[in-house]
Amino acid sequence: MSHYPRLASDIFEKYFNKVDYTVAYWYPFRFVQIIYFVDIIPESDSYWPEKITSITNNNTLKWIEEHLWFINLSPRDKCFDVLSGTNINEAGAKDLADAAHGLWQAILDKDLAKFGHFFKASFEAQIAMFPHMVTPQITEAIRKYEKQVLGWKISGAGGGGYLVLVSEGAVENAMQVKIRR
């Protein structure tokens, strides 16, 4: 499947001229990545970003820390293949790009409701293209918290490290994120 990364890249470049690293499809969510906004110049034919905009404003970083919570998930089975059943298409890429832009703007505006909405929208766009990211165990974890949080996403390569939650307040059994400055 050597053509897979290029094919996916071609589709994504059409919709991602500005990409929020938290939802770039092949990167896992990492709490330090949420402060970056990446410019990819489609005409450059470069895999790597041309520009990275970072937020170093302590008030914004503190706001992010106050609203992100991590729930530890079990490791994936050794035979697990997150790429099986992959369905990368233009509609999915556009949904993910729209969620990325909305999420970035929500962070800049410190709009918690939109932050939760677009956080969840990015997750939904990802699982539409990578349906095996979600297992029954992950679905069970989401159901446990979905009524008390504003949005969620899974982290880790292939989604198996943490369930990341957006919440107005503390979340039971969760670790609060701390962003290094």
C-alpha atoms as a PDB file:
ATOM      1  CA  MET A   1       0.000   0.000   0.000  1.00  0.00           C
ATOM      2  CA  SER A   2       2.794   2.417  -0.805  1.00  0.00           C
ATOM      3  CA  HIS A   3       0.394   4.779  -2.603  1.00  0.00           C
ATOM      4  CA  TYR A   4      -1.739   5.215   0.532  1.00  0.00           C
ATOM      5  CA  PRO A   5       0.043   8.230   2.102  1.00  0.00           C
ATOM      6  CA  ARG A   6       0.229  10.148  -1.187  1.00  0.00           C
ATOM      7  CA  LEU A   7      -3.418   9.455  -2.042  1.00  0.00           C
ATOM      8  CA  ALA A   8      -4.537  10.578   1.384  1.00  0.00           C
ATOM      9  CA  SER A   9      -2.258  13.584   1.187  1.00  0.00           C
ATOM     10  CA  ASP A  10      -3.679  14.625  -2.198  1.00  0.00           C
ATOM     11  CA  ILE A  11      -7.222  14.589  -0.845  1.00  0.00           C
ATOM     12  CA  PHE A  12      -6.330  16.367   2.372  1.00  0.00           C
ATOM     13  CA  GLU A  13      -4.229  19.071   0.703  1.00  0.00           C
ATOM     14  CA  LYS A  14      -7.291  20.145  -1.267  1.00  0.00           C
ATOM     15  CA  TYR A  15      -9.091  21.043   1.959  1.00  0.00           C
ATOM     16  CA  PHE A  16      -6.293  21.762   4.405  1.00  0.00           C
ATOM     17  CA  ASN A  17      -4.431  24.893   3.494  1.00  0.00           C
ATOM     18  CA  LYS A  18      -4.483  25.660   7.204  1.00  0.00           C
ATOM     19  CA  VAL A  19      -4.495  22.704   9.538  1.00  0.00           C
ATOM     20  CA  ASP A  20      -4.959  22.539  13.274  1.00  0.00           C
ATOM     21  CA  TYR A  21      -2.477  19.896  14.388  1.00  0.00           C
ATOM     22  CA  THR A  22      -4.964  18.419  16.826  1.00  0.00           C
ATOM     23  CA  VAL A  23      -7.026  17.026  14.000  1.00  0.00           C
ATOM     24  CA  ALA A  24      -4.479  16.331  11.284  1.00  0.00           C
ATOM     25  CA  TYR A  25      -5.580  12.821  10.386  1.00  0.00           C
ATOM     26  CA  TRP A  26      -2.314  10.930  10.796  1.00  0.00           C
ATOM     27  CA  TYR A  27      -1.165  12.728  13.933  1.00  0.00           C
ATOM     28  CA  PRO A  28      -2.443  11.660  17.317  1.00  0.00           C
ATOM     29  CA  PHE A  29      -3.850  14.318  19.582  1.00  0.00           C
ATOM     30  CA  ARG A  30      -1.148  15.541  21.907  1.00  0.00           C
ATOM     31  CA  PHE A  31      -1.831  18.277  24.389  1.00  0.00           C
ATOM     32  CA  VAL A  32       1.189  20.287  23.294  1.00  0.00           C
ATOM     33  CA  GLN A  33       0.038  20.203  19.679  1.00  0.00           C
ATOM     34  CA  ILE A  34      -3.184  22.024  20.377  1.00  0.00           C
ATOM     35  CA  ILE A  35      -1.302  25.295  20.529  1.00  0.00           C
ATOM     36  CA  TYR A  36      -0.086  25.048  16.943  1.00  0.00           C
ATOM     37  CA  PHE A  37      -1.751  26.054  13.717  1.00  0.00           C
ATOM     38  CA  VAL A  38      -0.004  24.849  10.598  1.00  0.00           C
ATOM     39  CA  ASP A  39       0.029  26.439   7.164  1.00  0.00           C
ATOM     40  CA  ILE A  40       0.484  23.927   4.374  1.00  0.00           C
ATOM     41  CA  ILE A  41       0.900  25.569   1.017  1.00  0.00           C
ATOM     42  CA  PRO A  42      -0.823  23.241  -1.500  1.00  0.00           C
ATOM     43  CA  GLU A  43       1.162  24.548  -4.466  1.00  0.00           C
ATOM     44  CA  SER A  44       4.496  23.761  -2.796  1.00  0.00           C
ATOM     45  CA  ASP A  45       4.079  19.962  -3.095  1.00  0.00           C
ATOM     46  CA  SER A  46       5.727  19.727   0.308  1.00  0.00           C
ATOM     47  CA  TYR A  47       4.722  17.206   2.913  1.00  0.00           C
ATOM     48  CA  TRP A  48       6.036  19.441   5.676  1.00  0.00           C
ATOM     49  CA  PRO A  49       4.332  22.635   6.836  1.00  0.00           C
ATOM     50  CA  GLU A  50       5.532  25.939   5.458  1.00  0.00           C
ATOM     51  CA  LYS A  51       4.608  27.873   8.594  1.00  0.00           C
ATOM     52  CA  ILE A  52       3.613  27.022  12.153  1.00  0.00           C
ATOM     53  CA  THR A  53       1.712  29.564  14.201  1.00  0.00           C
ATOM     54  CA  SER A  54       1.839  28.924  17.925  1.00  0.00           C
ATOM     55  CA  ILE A  55      -0.059  30.335  20.828  1.00  0.00           C
ATOM     56  CA  THR A  56       2.155  31.265  23.731  1.00  0.00           C
ATOM     57  CA  ASN A  57      -0.320  33.522  25.486  1.00  0.00           C
ATOM     58  CA  ASN A  58      -0.487  32.260  29.047  1.00  0.00           C
ATOM     59  CA  ASN A  59      -4.206  33.090  29.389  1.00  0.00           C
ATOM     60  CA  THR A  60      -5.087  30.940  26.372  1.00  0.00           C
ATOM     61  CA  LEU A  61      -2.858  28.085  27.498  1.00  0.00           C
ATOM     62  CA  LYS A  62      -4.389  28.217  30.962  1.00  0.00           C
ATOM     63  CA  TRP A  63      -7.887  28.212  29.412  1.00  0.00           C
ATOM     64  CA  ILE A  64      -7.009  25.050  27.456  1.00  0.00           C
ATOM     65  CA  GLU A  65      -5.600  23.411  30.591  1.00  0.00           C
ATOM     66  CA  GLU A  66      -8.781  24.173  32.532  1.00  0.00           C
ATOM     67  CA  HIS A  67     -10.989  22.435  29.990  1.00  0.00           C
ATOM     68  CA  LEU A  68      -9.108  19.328  28.777  1.00  0.00           C
ATOM     69  CA  TRP A  69      -9.240  16.070  30.733  1.00  0.00           C
ATOM     70  CA  PHE A  70      -7.664  12.695  29.919  1.00  0.00           C
ATOM     71  CA  ILE A  71      -9.066   9.232  30.676  1.00  0.00           C
ATOM     72  CA  ASN A  72      -6.592   6.363  30.292  1.00  0.00           C
ATOM     73  CA  LEU A  73      -7.701   3.692  27.791  1.00  0.00           C
ATOM     74  CA  SER A  74      -6.543   0.101  27.572  1.00  0.00           C
ATOM     75  CA  PRO A  75      -3.805  -0.725  25.074  1.00  0.00           C
ATOM     76  CA  ARG A  76      -4.899  -2.030  21.678  1.00  0.00           C
ATOM     77  CA  ASP A  77      -4.764  -5.728  20.916  1.00  0.00           C
ATOM     78  CA  LYS A  78      -1.501  -6.705  19.187  1.00  0.00           C
ATOM     79  CA  CYS A  79      -3.391  -7.735  16.033  1.00  0.00           C
ATOM     80  CA  PHE A  80      -5.333  -4.450  15.824  1.00  0.00           C
ATOM     81  CA  ASP A  81      -5.153  -2.674  12.453  1.00  0.00           C
ATOM     82  CA  VAL A  82      -6.549   0.847  12.625  1.00  0.00           C
ATOM     83  CA  LEU A  83      -6.161   1.275   8.856  1.00  0.00           C
ATOM     84  CA  SER A  84      -8.366  -1.663   7.914  1.00  0.00           C
ATOM     85  CA  GLY A  85     -11.652  -0.447   6.487  1.00  0.00           C
ATOM     86  CA  THR A  86     -10.240   3.025   5.831  1.00  0.00           C
ATOM     87  CA  ASN A  87     -12.597   5.273   3.876  1.00  0.00           C
ATOM     88  CA  ILE A  88     -10.672   8.424   2.955  1.00  0.00           C
ATOM     89  CA  ASN A  89     -12.678  10.601   0.594  1.00  0.00           C
ATOM     90  CA  GLU A  90     -13.140  14.266  -0.250  1.00  0.00           C
ATOM     91  CA  ALA A  91     -16.284  14.715   1.847  1.00  0.00           C
ATOM     92  CA  GLY A  92     -14.528  13.286   4.901  1.00  0.00           C
ATOM     93  CA  ALA A  93     -11.454  15.428   4.330  1.00  0.00           C
ATOM     94  CA  LYS A  94     -13.633  18.521   4.021  1.00  0.00           C
ATOM     95  CA  ASP A  95     -15.478  17.659   7.247  1.00  0.00           C
ATOM     96  CA  LEU A  96     -12.167  17.245   9.042  1.00  0.00           C
ATOM     97  CA  ALA A  97     -10.807  20.505   7.610  1.00  0.00           C
ATOM     98  CA  ASP A  98     -13.951  22.392   8.647  1.00  0.00           C
ATOM     99  CA  ALA A  99     -13.680  20.950  12.155  1.00  0.00           C
ATOM    100  CA  ALA A 100      -9.998  21.936  12.313  1.00  0.00           C
ATOM    101  CA  HIS A 101     -10.725  25.512  11.352  1.00  0.00           C
ATOM    102  CA  GLY A 102     -13.644  25.745  13.775  1.00  0.00           C
ATOM    103  CA  LEU A 103     -11.588  24.253  16.594  1.00  0.00           C
ATOM    104  CA  TRP A 104      -8.709  26.664  16.046  1.00  0.00           C
ATOM    105  CA  GLN A 105     -11.064  29.646  16.039  1.00  0.00           C
ATOM    106  CA  ALA A 106     -12.817  28.394  19.177  1.00  0.00           C
ATOM    107  CA  ILE A 107      -9.444  28.286  20.941  1.00  0.00           C
ATOM    108  CA  LEU A 108      -8.568  31.796  19.797  1.00  0.00           C
ATOM    109  CA  ASP A 109     -11.987  33.056  20.935  1.00  0.00           C
ATOM    110  CA  LYS A 110     -11.921  30.945  24.122  1.00  0.00           C
ATOM    111  CA  ASP A 111     -15.436  29.781  23.235  1.00  0.00           C
ATOM    112  CA  LEU A 112     -15.941  26.608  25.268  1.00  0.00           C
ATOM    113  CA  ALA A 113     -19.192  25.505  23.625  1.00  0.00           C
ATOM    114  CA  LYS A 114     -17.643  25.749  20.152  1.00  0.00           C
ATOM    115  CA  PHE A 115     -14.426  24.176  21.401  1.00  0.00           C
ATOM    116  CA  GLY A 116     -16.393  21.121  22.544  1.00  0.00           C
ATOM    117  CA  HIS A 117     -18.494  21.067  19.381  1.00  0.00           C
ATOM    118  CA  PHE A 118     -15.558  21.177  16.965  1.00  0.00           C
ATOM    119  CA  PHE A 119     -13.470  18.835  19.111  1.00  0.00           C
ATOM    120  CA  LYS A 120     -16.220  16.231  18.773  1.00  0.00           C
ATOM    121  CA  ALA A 121     -16.745  17.097  15.088  1.00  0.00           C
ATOM    122  CA  SER A 122     -13.071  16.390  14.386  1.00  0.00           C
ATOM    123  CA  PHE A 123     -13.419  13.020  16.123  1.00  0.00           C
ATOM    124  CA  GLU A 124     -16.529  12.174  14.103  1.00  0.00           C
ATOM    125  CA  ALA A 125     -14.805  13.162  10.852  1.00  0.00           C
ATOM    126  CA  GLN A 126     -11.822  10.999  11.730  1.00  0.00           C
ATOM    127  CA  ILE A 127     -13.862   7.919  12.587  1.00  0.00           C
ATOM    128  CA  ALA A 128     -15.911   8.324   9.406  1.00  0.00           C
ATOM    129  CA  MET A 129     -12.657   7.835   7.501  1.00  0.00           C
ATOM    130  CA  PHE A 130     -11.002   5.464   9.994  1.00  0.00           C
ATOM    131  CA  PRO A 131     -13.928   3.506  11.474  1.00  0.00           C
ATOM    132  CA  HIS A 132     -11.721   1.025  13.316  1.00  0.00           C
ATOM    133  CA  MET A 133     -10.348   3.778  15.523  1.00  0.00           C
ATOM    134  CA  VAL A 134     -13.375   3.105  17.703  1.00  0.00           C
ATOM    135  CA  THR A 135     -13.754  -0.183  19.511  1.00  0.00           C
ATOM    136  CA  PRO A 136     -16.560  -1.315  21.843  1.00  0.00           C
ATOM    137  CA  GLN A 137     -14.331  -0.396  24.812  1.00  0.00           C
ATOM    138  CA  ILE A 138     -13.863   3.151  23.504  1.00  0.00           C
ATOM    139  CA  THR A 139     -17.580   3.492  22.786  1.00  0.00           C
ATOM    140  CA  GLU A 140     -18.299   2.374  26.352  1.00  0.00           C
ATOM    141  CA  ALA A 141     -15.870   4.964  27.751  1.00  0.00           C
ATOM    142  CA  ILE A 142     -17.470   7.720  25.652  1.00  0.00           C
ATOM    143  CA  ARG A 143     -20.976   6.749  26.802  1.00  0.00           C
ATOM    144  CA  LYS A 144     -19.843   6.959  30.424  1.00  0.00           C
ATOM    145  CA  TYR A 145     -18.900  10.635  30.043  1.00  0.00           C
ATOM    146  CA  GLU A 146     -20.892  11.981  27.073  1.00  0.00           C
ATOM    147  CA  LYS A 147     -23.666  13.578  29.122  1.00  0.00           C
ATOM    148  CA  GLN A 148     -21.273  15.510  31.357  1.00  0.00           C
ATOM    149  CA  VAL A 149     -18.807  16.851  28.769  1.00  0.00           C
ATOM    150  CA  LEU A 150     -18.943  19.102  25.704  1.00  0.00           C
ATOM    151  CA  GLY A 151     -16.802  17.030  23.357  1.00  0.00           C
ATOM    152  CA  TRP A 152     -14.349  14.161  23.081  1.00  0.00           C
ATOM    153  CA  LYS A 153     -11.626  12.678  20.982  1.00  0.00           C
ATOM    154  CA  ILE A 154      -9.226   9.759  21.307  1.00  0.00           C
ATOM    155  CA  SER A 155      -5.462  10.116  21.270  1.00  0.00           C
ATOM    156  CA  GLY A 156      -2.548   7.898  20.491  1.00  0.00           C
ATOM    157  CA  ALA A 157      -1.464   6.470  17.160  1.00  0.00           C
ATOM    158  CA  GLY A 158      -4.627   4.768  16.020  1.00  0.00           C
ATOM    159  CA  GLY A 159      -6.520   6.115  18.967  1.00  0.00           C
ATOM    160  CA  GLY A 160      -5.881   3.992  21.962  1.00  0.00           C
ATOM    161  CA  GLY A 161      -3.988   6.062  24.463  1.00  0.00           C
ATOM    162  CA  TYR A 162      -6.525   8.358  26.083  1.00  0.00           C
ATOM    163  CA  LEU A 163     -10.064   9.559  25.773  1.00  0.00           C
ATOM    164  CA  VAL A 164      -9.637  13.328  25.771  1.00  0.00           C
ATOM    165  CA  LEU A 165     -12.632  15.272  27.076  1.00  0.00           C
ATOM    166  CA  VAL A 166     -13.643  18.922  26.882  1.00  0.00           C
ATOM    167  CA  SER A 167     -15.439  19.966  30.038  1.00  0.00           C
ATOM    168  CA  GLU A 168     -16.484  23.062  31.966  1.00  0.00           C
ATOM    169  CA  GLY A 169     -15.286  21.487  35.199  1.00  0.00           C
ATOM    170  CA  ALA A 170     -13.493  18.547  36.719  1.00  0.00           C
ATOM    171  CA  VAL A 171     -14.146  15.082  35.306  1.00  0.00           C
ATOM    172  CA  GLU A 172     -14.181  12.085  37.635  1.00  0.00           C
ATOM    173  CA  ASN A 173     -11.204   9.705  37.207  1.00  0.00           C
ATOM    174  CA  ALA A 174      -9.565  12.027  34.680  1.00  0.00           C
ATOM    175  CA  MET A 175      -6.172  13.674  34.574  1.00  0.00           C
ATOM    176  CA  GLN A 176      -6.074  17.373  33.893  1.00  0.00           C
ATOM    177  CA  VAL A 177      -3.786  18.438  31.094  1.00  0.00           C
ATOM    178  CA  LYS A 178      -0.709  20.549  31.829  1.00  0.00           C
ATOM    179  CA  ILE A 179       0.897  22.376  28.906  1.00  0.00           C
ATOM    180  CA  ARG A 180       4.619  22.962  29.146  1.00  0.00           C
ATOM    181  CA  ARG A 181       5.683  26.550  28.739  1.00  0.00           C
END
